[in-house]
Protein backbone atom coordinates (compact mmCIF):
# COMPACT_ATOMS: atom_id res chain seq x y z
CA UNK A 1 120.12 77.91 127.15
CA UNK A 2 116.46 78.88 126.88
CA UNK A 3 113.76 76.33 127.67
CA UNK A 4 110.78 75.84 125.34
CA UNK A 5 107.58 77.50 126.57
CA UNK A 6 105.82 74.15 127.12
CA UNK A 7 108.36 72.76 129.59
CA UNK A 8 108.68 76.17 131.26
CA UNK A 9 104.96 76.13 132.07
CA UNK A 10 105.24 72.63 133.55
CA UNK A 11 108.26 73.51 135.68
CA UNK A 12 106.57 76.64 137.08
CA UNK A 13 103.46 74.61 137.92
CA UNK A 14 105.65 72.01 139.66
CA UNK A 15 107.37 74.78 141.65
CA UNK A 16 103.98 76.16 142.75
CA UNK A 17 102.82 72.67 143.80
CA UNK A 18 105.99 72.12 145.85
CA UNK A 19 105.56 75.55 147.47
CA UNK A 20 101.94 74.76 148.43
CA UNK A 21 102.89 71.35 149.87
CA UNK A 22 105.75 72.93 151.87
CA UNK A 23 103.38 75.63 153.16
CA UNK A 24 100.78 73.03 154.22
CA UNK A 25 103.48 70.96 155.97
CA UNK A 26 104.73 74.13 157.73
CA UNK A 27 101.21 74.97 158.99
CA UNK A 28 100.72 71.38 160.21
CA UNK A 29 103.18 72.01 163.07
CA UNK A 30 101.04 74.87 164.39
CA UNK A 31 97.42 74.11 163.50
CA UNK A 32 96.33 70.63 162.42
CA UNK A 33 92.77 71.68 161.52
CA UNK A 34 94.01 74.45 159.22
CA UNK A 35 96.49 72.04 157.62
CA UNK A 36 93.73 69.48 157.09
CA UNK A 37 91.47 72.08 155.43
CA UNK A 38 94.37 73.32 153.27
CA UNK A 39 95.24 69.74 152.31
CA UNK A 40 91.65 69.05 151.25
CA UNK A 41 91.59 72.33 149.30
CA UNK A 42 94.88 71.60 147.50
CA UNK A 43 93.68 68.05 146.80
CA UNK A 44 90.50 69.43 145.21
CA UNK A 45 92.55 71.89 143.13
CA UNK A 46 94.79 69.03 141.95
CA UNK A 47 91.71 66.92 141.08
CA UNK A 48 90.18 69.84 139.12
CA UNK A 49 93.50 70.40 137.29
CA UNK A 50 93.69 66.70 136.36
CA UNK A 51 90.13 66.81 134.99
CA UNK A 52 90.94 69.91 132.90
CA UNK A 53 94.17 68.37 131.59
CA UNK A 54 92.19 65.29 130.52
CA UNK A 55 89.61 67.46 128.71
CA UNK A 56 92.37 69.18 126.69
CA UNK A 57 93.32 65.91 124.99
CA UNK A 58 91.84 65.50 121.51
CA UNK A 59 89.10 62.89 121.38
CA UNK A 60 88.94 60.30 118.56
CA UNK A 61 86.32 61.17 115.95
CA UNK A 62 83.31 58.82 116.17
CA UNK A 63 81.98 57.54 112.85
């Protein structure tokens, strides 16, 4: 069965997010400062993505 393109994009994004979180957790065992910087960076990327996803929604037309 083939997935629709919309859900495929979401699942790939989810996989990337999980991979980044796993990578950050893996680094945390070796270098806490690097993990902290990576966590802040990934948090900023997630915040930017959320803002962009909100902008894509159609706004109600003001009369």
